[in-house]
PDB file of N, CA and C in Angstrom:
ATOM      1  N   MET A   1       0.184 -10.063  -0.273  1.00  0.00           N
ATOM      2  CA  MET A   1       0.653  -9.396   0.917  1.00  0.00           C
ATOM      3  C   MET A   1       1.179 -10.420   1.916  1.00  0.00           C
ATOM      4  N   LEU A   2       0.495 -11.547   1.986  1.00  0.00           N
ATOM      5  CA  LEU A   2       0.930 -12.598   2.897  1.00  0.00           C
ATOM      6  C   LEU A   2       2.302 -13.124   2.489  1.00  0.00           C
ATOM      7  N   LEU A   3       2.520 -13.272   1.186  1.00  0.00           N
ATOM      8  CA  LEU A   3       3.819 -13.767   0.713  1.00  0.00           C
ATOM      9  C   LEU A   3       4.941 -12.782   1.034  1.00  0.00           C
ATOM     10  N   SER A   4       4.680 -11.495   0.877  1.00  0.00           N
ATOM     11  CA  SER A   4       5.720 -10.510   1.187  1.00  0.00           C
ATOM     12  C   SER A   4       6.010 -10.496   2.686  1.00  0.00           C
ATOM     13  N   TRP A   5       4.965 -10.678   3.500  1.00  0.00           N
ATOM     14  CA  TRP A   5       5.150 -10.729   4.947  1.00  0.00           C
ATOM     15  C   TRP A   5       5.969 -11.954   5.337  1.00  0.00           C
ATOM     16  N   LEU A   6       5.640 -13.110   4.736  1.00  0.00           N
ATOM     17  CA  LEU A   6       6.389 -14.334   5.026  1.00  0.00           C
ATOM     18  C   LEU A   6       7.832 -14.262   4.526  1.00  0.00           C
ATOM     19  N   ALA A   7       8.058 -13.550   3.439  1.00  0.00           N
ATOM     20  CA  ALA A   7       9.413 -13.426   2.899  1.00  0.00           C
ATOM     21  C   ALA A   7      10.303 -12.580   3.804  1.00  0.00           C
ATOM     22  N   VAL A   8       9.741 -11.574   4.452  1.00  0.00           N
ATOM     23  CA  VAL A   8      10.518 -10.678   5.302  1.00  0.00           C
ATOM     24  C   VAL A   8      10.645 -11.218   6.725  1.00  0.00           C
ATOM     25  N   LEU A   9       9.780 -12.131   7.110  1.00  0.00           N
ATOM     26  CA  LEU A   9       9.750 -12.639   8.483  1.00  0.00           C
ATOM     27  C   LEU A   9      11.078 -13.247   8.947  1.00  0.00           C
ATOM     28  N   PRO A  10      11.758 -14.086   8.164  1.00  0.00           N
ATOM     29  CA  PRO A  10      13.043 -14.614   8.651  1.00  0.00           C
ATOM     30  C   PRO A  10      14.087 -13.521   8.898  1.00  0.00           C
ATOM     31  N   LEU A  11      14.122 -12.523   8.041  1.00  0.00           N
ATOM     32  CA  LEU A  11      15.066 -11.427   8.226  1.00  0.00           C
ATOM     33  C   LEU A  11      14.741 -10.631   9.481  1.00  0.00           C
ATOM     34  N   SER A  12      13.452 -10.380   9.708  1.00  0.00           N
ATOM     35  CA  SER A  12      13.080  -9.625  10.908  1.00  0.00           C
ATOM     36  C   SER A  12      13.349 -10.446  12.171  1.00  0.00           C
ATOM     37  N   LEU A  13      13.179 -11.762  12.108  1.00  0.00           N
ATOM     38  CA  LEU A  13      13.524 -12.605  13.254  1.00  0.00           C
ATOM     39  C   LEU A  13      15.027 -12.549  13.536  1.00  0.00           C
ATOM     40  N   LEU A  14      15.809 -12.578  12.491  1.00  0.00           N
ATOM     41  CA  LEU A  14      17.262 -12.497  12.641  1.00  0.00           C
ATOM     42  C   LEU A  14      17.669 -11.164  13.250  1.00  0.00           C
ATOM     43  N   LEU A  15      17.092 -10.096  12.772  1.00  0.00           N
ATOM     44  CA  LEU A  15      17.429  -8.777  13.310  1.00  0.00           C
ATOM     45  C   LEU A  15      16.952  -8.615  14.753  1.00  0.00           C
ATOM     46  N   ALA A  16      15.768  -9.121  15.053  1.00  0.00           N
ATOM     47  CA  ALA A  16      15.245  -9.006  16.415  1.00  0.00           C
ATOM     48  C   ALA A  16      16.063  -9.849  17.393  1.00  0.00           C
ATOM     49  N   SER A  17      16.624 -10.951  16.928  1.00  0.00           N
ATOM     50  CA  SER A  17      17.413 -11.798  17.826  1.00  0.00           C
ATOM     51  C   SER A  17      18.735 -11.146  18.209  1.00  0.00           C
ATOM     52  N   GLY A  18      19.116 -10.097  17.534  1.00  0.00           N
ATOM     53  CA  GLY A  18      20.337  -9.380  17.870  1.00  0.00           C
ATOM     54  C   GLY A  18      20.170  -8.454  19.065  1.00  0.00           C
ATOM     55  N   SER A  19      18.951  -8.245  19.513  1.00  0.00           N
ATOM     56  CA  SER A  19      18.690  -7.369  20.654  1.00  0.00           C
ATOM     57  C   SER A  19      18.851  -8.169  21.951  1.00  0.00           C
ATOM     58  N   ILE A  20      19.707  -7.683  22.826  1.00  0.00           N
ATOM     59  CA  ILE A  20      19.968  -8.396  24.085  1.00  0.00           C
ATOM     60  C   ILE A  20      18.717  -8.464  24.969  1.00  0.00           C
ATOM     61  N   PRO A  21      17.949  -7.385  25.155  1.00  0.00           N
ATOM     62  CA  PRO A  21      16.727  -7.518  25.975  1.00  0.00           C
ATOM     63  C   PRO A  21      15.716  -8.503  25.390  1.00  0.00           C
ATOM     64  N   LEU A  22      15.626  -8.570  24.070  1.00  0.00           N
ATOM     65  CA  LEU A  22      14.676  -9.496  23.455  1.00  0.00           C
ATOM     66  C   LEU A  22      15.158 -10.939  23.528  1.00  0.00           C
ATOM     67  N   GLN A  23      16.451 -11.167  23.630  1.00  0.00           N
ATOM     68  CA  GLN A  23      16.966 -12.532  23.721  1.00  0.00           C
ATOM     69  C   GLN A  23      16.503 -13.217  24.998  1.00  0.00           C
ATOM     70  N   HIS A  24      16.251 -12.456  26.038  1.00  0.00           N
ATOM     71  CA  HIS A  24      15.818 -13.017  27.309  1.00  0.00           C
ATOM     72  C   HIS A  24      14.302 -13.214  27.379  1.00  0.00           C
ATOM     73  N   ASN A  25      13.572 -12.730  26.398  1.00  0.00           N
ATOM     74  CA  ASN A  25      12.118 -12.864  26.371  1.00  0.00           C
ATOM     75  C   ASN A  25      11.696 -13.358  24.982  1.00  0.00           C
ATOM     76  N   PRO A  26      11.638 -14.678  24.772  1.00  0.00           N
ATOM     77  CA  PRO A  26      11.349 -15.218  23.438  1.00  0.00           C
ATOM     78  C   PRO A  26       9.985 -14.805  22.877  1.00  0.00           C
ATOM     79  N   LEU A  27       8.972 -14.699  23.742  1.00  0.00           N
ATOM     80  CA  LEU A  27       7.656 -14.289  23.261  1.00  0.00           C
ATOM     81  C   LEU A  27       7.703 -12.878  22.687  1.00  0.00           C
ATOM     82  N   ARG A  28       8.348 -11.997  23.385  1.00  0.00           N
ATOM     83  CA  ARG A  28       8.475 -10.608  22.907  1.00  0.00           C
ATOM     84  C   ARG A  28       9.327 -10.537  21.643  1.00  0.00           C
ATOM     85  N   LEU A  29      10.337 -11.396  21.541  1.00  0.00           N
ATOM     86  CA  LEU A  29      11.185 -11.445  20.345  1.00  0.00           C
ATOM     87  C   LEU A  29      10.365 -11.829  19.122  1.00  0.00           C
ATOM     88  N   VAL A  30       9.560 -12.864  19.252  1.00  0.00           N
ATOM     89  CA  VAL A  30       8.739 -13.320  18.121  1.00  0.00           C
ATOM     90  C   VAL A  30       7.691 -12.271  17.761  1.00  0.00           C
ATOM     91  N   LEU A  31       7.042 -11.692  18.771  1.00  0.00           N
ATOM     92  CA  LEU A  31       6.042 -10.656  18.491  1.00  0.00           C
ATOM     93  C   LEU A  31       6.661  -9.442  17.806  1.00  0.00           C
ATOM     94  N   SER A  32       7.835  -9.044  18.253  1.00  0.00           N
ATOM     95  CA  SER A  32       8.519  -7.903  17.630  1.00  0.00           C
ATOM     96  C   SER A  32       8.864  -8.204  16.178  1.00  0.00           C
ATOM     97  N   ALA A  33       9.310  -9.423  15.913  1.00  0.00           N
ATOM     98  CA  ALA A  33       9.650  -9.804  14.533  1.00  0.00           C
ATOM     99  C   ALA A  33       8.399  -9.847  13.657  1.00  0.00           C
ATOM    100  N   LEU A  34       7.294 -10.354  14.207  1.00  0.00           N
ATOM    101  CA  LEU A  34       6.047 -10.408  13.437  1.00  0.00           C
ATOM    102  C   LEU A  34       5.556  -9.010  13.081  1.00  0.00           C
ATOM    103  N   VAL A  35       5.664  -8.091  14.024  1.00  0.00           N
ATOM    104  CA  VAL A  35       5.230  -6.713  13.770  1.00  0.00           C
ATOM    105  C   VAL A  35       6.183  -6.024  12.792  1.00  0.00           C
ATOM    106  N   ALA A  36       7.480  -6.221  12.962  1.00  0.00           N
ATOM    107  CA  ALA A  36       8.460  -5.576  12.077  1.00  0.00           C
ATOM    108  C   ALA A  36       8.335  -6.084  10.644  1.00  0.00           C
ATOM    109  N   ALA A  37       7.923  -7.336  10.484  1.00  0.00           N
ATOM    110  CA  ALA A  37       7.785  -7.898   9.137  1.00  0.00           C
ATOM    111  C   ALA A  37       6.608  -7.284   8.382  1.00  0.00           C
ATOM    112  N   LEU A  38       5.736  -6.560   9.070  1.00  0.00           N
ATOM    113  CA  LEU A  38       4.600  -5.912   8.408  1.00  0.00           C
ATOM    114  C   LEU A  38       4.996  -4.644   7.651  1.00  0.00           C
ATOM    115  N   VAL A  39       6.216  -4.193   7.823  1.00  0.00           N
ATOM    116  CA  VAL A  39       6.643  -2.945   7.183  1.00  0.00           C
ATOM    117  C   VAL A  39       6.622  -3.065   5.663  1.00  0.00           C
ATOM    118  N   LEU A  40       7.155  -4.143   5.115  1.00  0.00           N
ATOM    119  CA  LEU A  40       7.166  -4.301   3.660  1.00  0.00           C
ATOM    120  C   LEU A  40       5.759  -4.391   3.070  1.00  0.00           C
ATOM    121  N   PRO A  41       4.849  -5.205   3.638  1.00  0.00           N
ATOM    122  CA  PRO A  41       3.484  -5.194   3.093  1.00  0.00           C
ATOM    123  C   PRO A  41       2.814  -3.825   3.160  1.00  0.00           C
ATOM    124  N   VAL A  42       3.073  -3.065   4.214  1.00  0.00           N
ATOM    125  CA  VAL A  42       2.493  -1.715   4.308  1.00  0.00           C
ATOM    126  C   VAL A  42       3.013  -0.840   3.172  1.00  0.00           C
ATOM    127  N   LEU A  43       4.305  -0.894   2.925  1.00  0.00           N
ATOM    128  CA  LEU A  43       4.882  -0.095   1.840  1.00  0.00           C
ATOM    129  C   LEU A  43       4.330  -0.525   0.476  1.00  0.00           C
ATOM    130  N   LEU A  44       4.177  -1.822   0.269  1.00  0.00           N
ATOM    131  CA  LEU A  44       3.615  -2.304  -0.989  1.00  0.00           C
ATOM    132  C   LEU A  44       2.160  -1.868  -1.153  1.00  0.00           C
ATOM    133  N   LEU A  45       1.390  -1.916  -0.072  1.00  0.00           N
ATOM    134  CA  LEU A  45      -0.003  -1.476  -0.140  1.00  0.00           C
ATOM    135  C   LEU A  45      -0.118   0.013  -0.450  1.00  0.00           C
ATOM    136  N   VAL A  46       0.714   0.805   0.187  1.00  0.00           N
ATOM    137  CA  VAL A  46       0.676   2.257  -0.062  1.00  0.00           C
ATOM    138  C   VAL A  46       1.062   2.544  -1.507  1.00  0.00           C
ATOM    139  N   ARG A  47       2.062   1.833  -2.006  1.00  0.00           N
ATOM    140  CA  ARG A  47       2.484   2.041  -3.405  1.00  0.00           C
ATOM    141  C   ARG A  47       1.369   1.672  -4.373  1.00  0.00           C
ATOM    142  N   GLN A  48       0.710   0.540  -4.125  1.00  0.00           N
ATOM    143  CA  GLN A  48      -0.403   0.139  -4.974  1.00  0.00           C
ATOM    144  C   GLN A  48      -1.550   1.145  -4.907  1.00  0.00           C
ATOM    145  N   TRP A  49      -1.860   1.614  -3.701  1.00  0.00           N
ATOM    146  CA  TRP A  49      -2.948   2.569  -3.534  1.00  0.00           C
ATOM    147  C   TRP A  49      -2.644   3.878  -4.267  1.00  0.00           C
ATOM    148  N   LEU A  50      -1.414   4.359  -4.154  1.00  0.00           N
ATOM    149  CA  LEU A  50      -1.045   5.601  -4.853  1.00  0.00           C
ATOM    150  C   LEU A  50      -1.141   5.439  -6.367  1.00  0.00           C
ATOM    151  N   GLY A  51      -0.686   4.306  -6.881  1.00  0.00           N
ATOM    152  CA  GLY A  51      -0.752   4.069  -8.323  1.00  0.00           C
ATOM    153  C   GLY A  51      -2.174   4.008  -8.838  1.00  0.00           C
ATOM    154  N   TRP A  52      -3.052   3.284  -8.140  1.00  0.00           N
ATOM    155  CA  TRP A  52      -4.435   3.177  -8.583  1.00  0.00           C
ATOM    156  C   TRP A  52      -5.200   4.465  -8.378  1.00  0.00           C
ATOM    157  N   THR A  53      -4.822   5.265  -7.384  1.00  0.00           N
ATOM    158  CA  THR A  53      -5.454   6.571  -7.206  1.00  0.00           C
ATOM    159  C   THR A  53      -5.119   7.473  -8.381  1.00  0.00           C
ATOM    160  N   TYR A  54      -3.887   7.404  -8.853  1.00  0.00           N
ATOM    161  CA  TYR A  54      -3.483   8.184 -10.030  1.00  0.00           C
ATOM    162  C   TYR A  54      -4.291   7.744 -11.252  1.00  0.00           C
ATOM    163  N   VAL A  55      -4.456   6.439 -11.438  1.00  0.00           N
ATOM    164  CA  VAL A  55      -5.236   5.929 -12.566  1.00  0.00           C
ATOM    165  C   VAL A  55      -6.675   6.416 -12.474  1.00  0.00           C
ATOM    166  N   LEU A  56      -7.255   6.381 -11.284  1.00  0.00           N
ATOM    167  CA  LEU A  56      -8.628   6.847 -11.101  1.00  0.00           C
ATOM    168  C   LEU A  56      -8.771   8.327 -11.446  1.00  0.00           C
ATOM    169  N   ARG A  57      -7.819   9.133 -10.991  1.00  0.00           N
ATOM    170  CA  ARG A  57      -7.871  10.574 -11.307  1.00  0.00           C
ATOM    171  C   ARG A  57      -7.797  10.810 -12.807  1.00  0.00           C
ATOM    172  N   ARG A  58      -6.956  10.053 -13.502  1.00  0.00           N
ATOM    173  CA  ARG A  58      -6.856  10.220 -14.955  1.00  0.00           C
ATOM    174  C   ARG A  58      -8.141   9.785 -15.652  1.00  0.00           C
ATOM    175  N   LEU A  59      -8.772   8.728 -15.135  1.00  0.00           N
ATOM    176  CA  LEU A  59     -10.004   8.247 -15.765  1.00  0.00           C
ATOM    177  C   LEU A  59     -11.169   9.206 -15.576  1.00  0.00           C
ATOM    178  N   ILE A  60     -11.285   9.828 -14.413  1.00  0.00           N
ATOM    179  CA  ILE A  60     -12.451  10.684 -14.174  1.00  0.00           C
ATOM    180  C   ILE A  60     -12.248  12.120 -14.639  1.00  0.00           C
ATOM    181  N   SER A  61     -11.026  12.472 -15.013  1.00  0.00           N
ATOM    182  CA  SER A  61     -10.805  13.842 -15.479  1.00  0.00           C
ATOM    183  C   SER A  61     -11.347  14.015 -16.902  1.00  0.00           C
ATOM    184  N   GLU A  62     -11.753  15.233 -17.205  1.00  0.00           N
ATOM    185  CA  GLU A  62     -12.297  15.525 -18.530  1.00  0.00           C
ATOM    186  C   GLU A  62     -11.203  15.864 -19.538  1.00  0.00           C
ATOM    187  N   THR A  63     -10.029  16.182 -19.039  1.00  0.00           N
ATOM    188  CA  THR A  63      -8.919  16.532 -19.923  1.00  0.00           C
ATOM    189  C   THR A  63      -7.725  15.634 -19.614  1.00  0.00           C
ATOM    190  N   VAL A  64      -6.831  15.538 -20.570  1.00  0.00           N
ATOM    191  CA  VAL A  64      -5.600  14.769 -20.416  1.00  0.00           C
ATOM    192  C   VAL A  64      -4.438  15.724 -20.637  1.00  0.00           C
ATOM    193  N   GLU A  65      -3.541  15.781 -19.672  1.00  0.00           N
ATOM    194  CA  GLU A  65      -2.339  16.608 -19.819  1.00  0.00           C
ATOM    195  C   GLU A  65      -1.190  15.720 -20.258  1.00  0.00           C
ATOM    196  N   TYR A  66      -0.436  16.172 -21.247  1.00  0.00           N
ATOM    197  CA  TYR A  66       0.708  15.400 -21.698  1.00  0.00           C
ATOM    198  C   TYR A  66       1.812  16.344 -22.136  1.00  0.00           C
ATOM    199  N   GLU A  67       3.021  15.816 -22.141  1.00  0.00           N
ATOM    200  CA  GLU A  67       4.181  16.592 -22.563  1.00  0.00           C
ATOM    201  C   GLU A  67       4.758  15.964 -23.816  1.00  0.00           C
ATOM    202  N   GLU A  68       5.186  16.811 -24.735  1.00  0.00           N
ATOM    203  CA  GLU A  68       5.751  16.288 -25.967  1.00  0.00           C
ATOM    204  C   GLU A  68       7.234  15.979 -25.809  1.00  0.00           C
ATOM    205  N   SER A  69       7.989  16.907 -25.245  1.00  0.00           N
ATOM    206  CA  SER A  69       9.420  16.639 -25.084  1.00  0.00           C
ATOM    207  C   SER A  69       9.982  17.185 -23.779  1.00  0.00           C
ATOM    208  N   GLY A  70       9.284  18.047 -23.084  1.00  0.00           N
ATOM    209  CA  GLY A  70       9.789  18.616 -21.837  1.00  0.00           C
ATOM    210  C   GLY A  70       8.689  19.345 -21.094  1.00  0.00           C
ATOM    211  N   TRP A  71       9.042  19.885 -19.952  1.00  0.00           N
ATOM    212  CA  TRP A  71       8.052  20.539 -19.099  1.00  0.00           C
ATOM    213  C   TRP A  71       7.481  21.804 -19.719  1.00  0.00           C
ATOM    214  N   TYR A  72       8.188  22.412 -20.640  1.00  0.00           N
ATOM    215  CA  TYR A  72       7.800  23.708 -21.178  1.00  0.00           C
ATOM    216  C   TYR A  72       6.795  23.619 -22.316  1.00  0.00           C
ATOM    217  N   ASP A  73       6.563  22.447 -22.870  1.00  0.00           N
ATOM    218  CA  ASP A  73       5.652  22.370 -24.016  1.00  0.00           C
ATOM    219  C   ASP A  73       4.507  21.386 -23.767  1.00  0.00           C
ATOM    220  N   GLY A  74       3.986  21.376 -22.557  1.00  0.00           N
ATOM    221  CA  GLY A  74       2.863  20.502 -22.239  1.00  0.00           C
ATOM    222  C   GLY A  74       1.590  20.944 -22.932  1.00  0.00           C
ATOM    223  N   GLN A  75       0.761  19.994 -23.255  1.00  0.00           N
ATOM    224  CA  GLN A  75      -0.498  20.263 -23.927  1.00  0.00           C
ATOM    225  C   GLN A  75      -1.640  19.699 -23.082  1.00  0.00           C
ATOM    226  N   VAL A  76      -2.820  20.270 -23.249  1.00  0.00           N
ATOM    227  CA  VAL A  76      -4.018  19.757 -22.593  1.00  0.00           C
ATOM    228  C   VAL A  76      -4.982  19.354 -23.694  1.00  0.00           C
ATOM    229  N   TRP A  77      -5.458  18.116 -23.617  1.00  0.00           N
ATOM    230  CA  TRP A  77      -6.353  17.571 -24.625  1.00  0.00           C
ATOM    231  C   TRP A  77      -7.657  17.183 -23.950  1.00  0.00           C
ATOM    232  N   GLU A  78      -8.772  17.599 -24.506  1.00  0.00           N
ATOM    233  CA  GLU A  78     -10.081  17.270 -23.945  1.00  0.00           C
ATOM    234  C   GLU A  78     -10.563  15.946 -24.523  1.00  0.00           C
ATOM    235  N   LYS A  79     -11.012  15.067 -23.630  1.00  0.00           N
ATOM    236  CA  LYS A  79     -11.498  13.758 -24.064  1.00  0.00           C
ATOM    237  C   LYS A  79     -12.834  13.910 -24.792  1.00  0.00           C
ATOM    238  N   PRO A  80     -13.038  13.135 -25.838  1.00  0.00           N
ATOM    239  CA  PRO A  80     -14.361  13.119 -26.477  1.00  0.00           C
ATOM    240  C   PRO A  80     -15.410  12.548 -25.513  1.00  0.00           C
ATOM    241  N   LEU A  81     -16.658  12.869 -25.723  1.00  0.00           N
ATOM    242  CA  LEU A  81     -17.743  12.474 -24.826  1.00  0.00           C
ATOM    243  C   LEU A  81     -17.841  10.954 -24.679  1.00  0.00           C
ATOM    244  N   GLU A  82     -17.706  10.223 -25.752  1.00  0.00           N
ATOM    245  CA  GLU A  82     -17.792   8.755 -25.692  1.00  0.00           C
ATOM    246  C   GLU A  82     -16.659   8.174 -24.850  1.00  0.00           C
ATOM    247  N   TRP A  83     -15.476   8.722 -24.989  1.00  0.00           N
ATOM    248  CA  TRP A  83     -14.331   8.237 -24.204  1.00  0.00           C
ATOM    249  C   TRP A  83     -14.534   8.537 -22.725  1.00  0.00           C
ATOM    250  N   ARG A  84     -15.098   9.718 -22.436  1.00  0.00           N
ATOM    251  CA  ARG A  84     -15.351  10.075 -21.035  1.00  0.00           C
ATOM    252  C   ARG A  84     -16.353   9.120 -20.404  1.00  0.00           C
ATOM    253  N   LYS A  85     -17.403   8.787 -21.146  1.00  0.00           N
ATOM    254  CA  LYS A  85     -18.396   7.839 -20.632  1.00  0.00           C
ATOM    255  C   LYS A  85     -17.751   6.485 -20.335  1.00  0.00           C
ATOM    256  N   GLN A  86     -16.946   6.018 -21.280  1.00  0.00           N
ATOM    257  CA  GLN A  86     -16.274   4.731 -21.101  1.00  0.00           C
ATOM    258  C   GLN A  86     -15.301   4.780 -19.918  1.00  0.00           C
ATOM    259  N   ASP A  87     -14.536   5.850 -19.802  1.00  0.00           N
ATOM    260  CA  ASP A  87     -13.587   5.988 -18.708  1.00  0.00           C
ATOM    261  C   ASP A  87     -14.290   6.051 -17.350  1.00  0.00           C
ATOM    262  N   LEU A  88     -15.438   6.727 -17.299  1.00  0.00           N
ATOM    263  CA  LEU A  88     -16.192   6.784 -16.042  1.00  0.00           C
ATOM    264  C   LEU A  88     -16.719   5.415 -15.639  1.00  0.00           C
ATOM    265  N   LEU A  89     -17.150   4.622 -16.613  1.00  0.00           N
ATOM    266  CA  LEU A  89     -17.600   3.266 -16.313  1.00  0.00           C
ATOM    267  C   LEU A  89     -16.456   2.399 -15.783  1.00  0.00           C
ATOM    268  N   VAL A  90     -15.307   2.504 -16.420  1.00  0.00           N
ATOM    269  CA  VAL A  90     -14.143   1.742 -15.965  1.00  0.00           C
ATOM    270  C   VAL A  90     -13.751   2.178 -14.560  1.00  0.00           C
ATOM    271  N   ALA A  91     -13.765   3.485 -14.318  1.00  0.00           N
ATOM    272  CA  ALA A  91     -13.408   4.001 -12.994  1.00  0.00           C
ATOM    273  C   ALA A  91     -14.392   3.514 -11.935  1.00  0.00           C
ATOM    274  N   GLN A  92     -15.673   3.528 -12.259  1.00  0.00           N
ATOM    275  CA  GLN A  92     -16.689   3.178 -11.270  1.00  0.00           C
ATOM    276  C   GLN A  92     -16.732   1.688 -10.983  1.00  0.00           C
ATOM    277  N   TYR A  93     -16.624   0.850 -12.006  1.00  0.00           N
ATOM    278  CA  TYR A  93     -16.854  -0.579 -11.817  1.00  0.00           C
ATOM    279  C   TYR A  93     -15.586  -1.421 -11.721  1.00  0.00           C
ATOM    280  N   GLN A  94     -14.429  -0.860 -12.046  1.00  0.00           N
ATOM    281  CA  GLN A  94     -13.210  -1.651 -11.956  1.00  0.00           C
ATOM    282  C   GLN A  94     -12.187  -1.051 -10.998  1.00  0.00           C
ATOM    283  N   VAL A  95     -11.960   0.243 -11.078  1.00  0.00           N
ATOM    284  CA  VAL A  95     -10.895   0.849 -10.280  1.00  0.00           C
ATOM    285  C   VAL A  95     -11.355   1.153  -8.863  1.00  0.00           C
ATOM    286  N   ARG A  96     -12.549   1.704  -8.691  1.00  0.00           N
ATOM    287  CA  ARG A  96     -13.026   2.035  -7.333  1.00  0.00           C
ATOM    288  C   ARG A  96     -13.145   0.806  -6.433  1.00  0.00           C
ATOM    289  N   PRO A  97     -13.691  -0.332  -6.913  1.00  0.00           N
ATOM    290  CA  PRO A  97     -13.719  -1.518  -6.038  1.00  0.00           C
ATOM    291  C   PRO A  97     -12.316  -1.986  -5.649  1.00  0.00           C
ATOM    292  N   LEU A  98     -11.382  -1.871  -6.562  1.00  0.00           N
ATOM    293  CA  LEU A  98     -10.001  -2.240  -6.257  1.00  0.00           C
ATOM    294  C   LEU A  98      -9.423  -1.320  -5.186  1.00  0.00           C
ATOM    295  N   LEU A  99      -9.691  -0.028  -5.296  1.00  0.00           N
ATOM    296  CA  LEU A  99      -9.219   0.925  -4.289  1.00  0.00           C
ATOM    297  C   LEU A  99      -9.863   0.662  -2.926  1.00  0.00           C
ATOM    298  N   LEU A 100     -11.132   0.303  -2.909  1.00  0.00           N
ATOM    299  CA  LEU A 100     -11.789  -0.025  -1.643  1.00  0.00           C
ATOM    300  C   LEU A 100     -11.159  -1.259  -1.004  1.00  0.00           C
ATOM    301  N   GLY A 101     -10.827  -2.250  -1.818  1.00  0.00           N
ATOM    302  CA  GLY A 101     -10.149  -3.433  -1.296  1.00  0.00           C
ATOM    303  C   GLY A 101      -8.778  -3.100  -0.733  1.00  0.00           C
ATOM    304  N   LEU A 102      -8.038  -2.241  -1.419  1.00  0.00           N
ATOM    305  CA  LEU A 102      -6.726  -1.819  -0.917  1.00  0.00           C
ATOM    306  C   LEU A 102      -6.862  -1.040   0.381  1.00  0.00           C
ATOM    307  N   GLN A 103      -7.890  -0.203   0.486  1.00  0.00           N
ATOM    308  CA  GLN A 103      -8.098   0.555   1.719  1.00  0.00           C
ATOM    309  C   GLN A 103      -8.447  -0.377   2.878  1.00  0.00           C
ATOM    310  N   ARG A 104      -9.242  -1.408   2.605  1.00  0.00           N
ATOM    311  CA  ARG A 104      -9.554  -2.384   3.658  1.00  0.00           C
ATOM    312  C   ARG A 104      -8.294  -3.114   4.109  1.00  0.00           C
ATOM    313  N   LEU A 105      -7.459  -3.506   3.157  1.00  0.00           N
ATOM    314  CA  LEU A 105      -6.206  -4.177   3.512  1.00  0.00           C
ATOM    315  C   LEU A 105      -5.284  -3.267   4.317  1.00  0.00           C
ATOM    316  N   MET A 106      -5.224  -1.986   3.949  1.00  0.00           N
ATOM    317  CA  MET A 106      -4.395  -1.054   4.717  1.00  0.00           C
ATOM    318  C   MET A 106      -4.952  -0.874   6.123  1.00  0.00           C
ATOM    319  N   GLY A 107      -6.273  -0.831   6.264  1.00  0.00           N
ATOM    320  CA  GLY A 107      -6.882  -0.737   7.587  1.00  0.00           C
ATOM    321  C   GLY A 107      -6.587  -1.965   8.431  1.00  0.00           C
ATOM    322  N   LEU A 108      -6.701  -3.149   7.822  1.00  0.00           N
ATOM    323  CA  LEU A 108      -6.388  -4.386   8.529  1.00  0.00           C
ATOM    324  C   LEU A 108      -4.927  -4.416   8.965  1.00  0.00           C
ATOM    325  N   THR A 109      -4.043  -3.983   8.087  1.00  0.00           N
ATOM    326  CA  THR A 109      -2.621  -3.953   8.419  1.00  0.00           C
ATOM    327  C   THR A 109      -2.345  -2.960   9.542  1.00  0.00           C
ATOM    328  N   ALA A 110      -3.019  -1.821   9.524  1.00  0.00           N
ATOM    329  CA  ALA A 110      -2.848  -0.842  10.607  1.00  0.00           C
ATOM    330  C   ALA A 110      -3.322  -1.412  11.937  1.00  0.00           C
ATOM    331  N   VAL A 111      -4.443  -2.129  11.912  1.00  0.00           N
ATOM    332  CA  VAL A 111      -4.947  -2.760  13.141  1.00  0.00           C
ATOM    333  C   VAL A 111      -3.957  -3.810  13.636  1.00  0.00           C
ATOM    334  N   LEU A 112      -3.409  -4.609  12.714  1.00  0.00           N
ATOM    335  CA  LEU A 112      -2.411  -5.611  13.102  1.00  0.00           C
ATOM    336  C   LEU A 112      -1.160  -4.961  13.694  1.00  0.00           C
ATOM    337  N   LEU A 113      -0.720  -3.860  13.101  1.00  0.00           N
ATOM    338  CA  LEU A 113       0.448  -3.152  13.637  1.00  0.00           C
ATOM    339  C   LEU A 113       0.180  -2.627  15.047  1.00  0.00           C
ATOM    340  N   LEU A 114      -0.974  -2.014  15.243  1.00  0.00           N
ATOM    341  CA  LEU A 114      -1.304  -1.482  16.567  1.00  0.00           C
ATOM    342  C   LEU A 114      -1.469  -2.594  17.596  1.00  0.00           C
ATOM    343  N   ALA A 115      -2.148  -3.666  17.211  1.00  0.00           N
ATOM    344  CA  ALA A 115      -2.345  -4.785  18.135  1.00  0.00           C
ATOM    345  C   ALA A 115      -1.017  -5.439  18.474  1.00  0.00           C
ATOM    346  N   GLY A 116      -0.169  -5.618  17.471  1.00  0.00           N
ATOM    347  CA  GLY A 116       1.133  -6.225  17.718  1.00  0.00           C
ATOM    348  C   GLY A 116       2.011  -5.361  18.600  1.00  0.00           C
ATOM    349  N   THR A 117       1.980  -4.063  18.372  1.00  0.00           N
ATOM    350  CA  THR A 117       2.766  -3.152  19.189  1.00  0.00           C
ATOM    351  C   THR A 117       2.273  -3.170  20.635  1.00  0.00           C
ATOM    352  N   THR A 118       0.958  -3.196  20.815  1.00  0.00           N
ATOM    353  CA  THR A 118       0.394  -3.258  22.156  1.00  0.00           C
ATOM    354  C   THR A 118       0.770  -4.561  22.858  1.00  0.00           C
ATOM    355  N   LEU A 119       0.688  -5.670  22.130  1.00  0.00           N
ATOM    356  CA  LEU A 119       1.060  -6.955  22.712  1.00  0.00           C
ATOM    357  C   LEU A 119       2.533  -7.020  23.064  1.00  0.00           C
ATOM    358  N   CYS A 120       3.383  -6.396  22.234  1.00  0.00           N
ATOM    359  CA  CYS A 120       4.823  -6.387  22.527  1.00  0.00           C
ATOM    360  C   CYS A 120       5.102  -5.625  23.817  1.00  0.00           C
ATOM    361  N   ARG A 121       4.387  -4.549  24.038  1.00  0.00           N
ATOM    362  CA  ARG A 121       4.612  -3.768  25.254  1.00  0.00           C
ATOM    363  C   ARG A 121       4.102  -4.501  26.493  1.00  0.00           C
ATOM    364  N   LEU A 122       3.024  -5.275  26.339  1.00  0.00           N
ATOM    365  CA  LEU A 122       2.463  -6.007  27.468  1.00  0.00           C
ATOM    366  C   LEU A 122       3.268  -7.262  27.801  1.00  0.00           C
ATOM    367  N   ALA A 123       3.902  -7.837  26.797  1.00  0.00           N
ATOM    368  CA  ALA A 123       4.635  -9.094  27.021  1.00  0.00           C
ATOM    369  C   ALA A 123       5.936  -8.879  27.748  1.00  0.00           C
TER     370      ALA A 123
END
């Protein structure tokens, strides 16, 4: 996430420097660019969270839905008991901790966005 933020930072600085009111206030210009550069990490975090949430739902479900060739011929297959046990273990000990970490990162990013926005308004 830090790398994606650093990669977008020069572009956001360039875009923020195009604003005439921000050109007269360098502190506000830098703060605005730092906050704007958080957009890409937020999008990446949301994408990761959605993908892992889908994986978790598939692991904890008792059935698997699949399509053979189109929407009209979907089938539902019930997982064997041993597979369900294994999938629940994977969901509990590998996927859920990852989702909790992603949620913490999204919370931290939200706090950074709010703090940065507040600082930009005060500066």
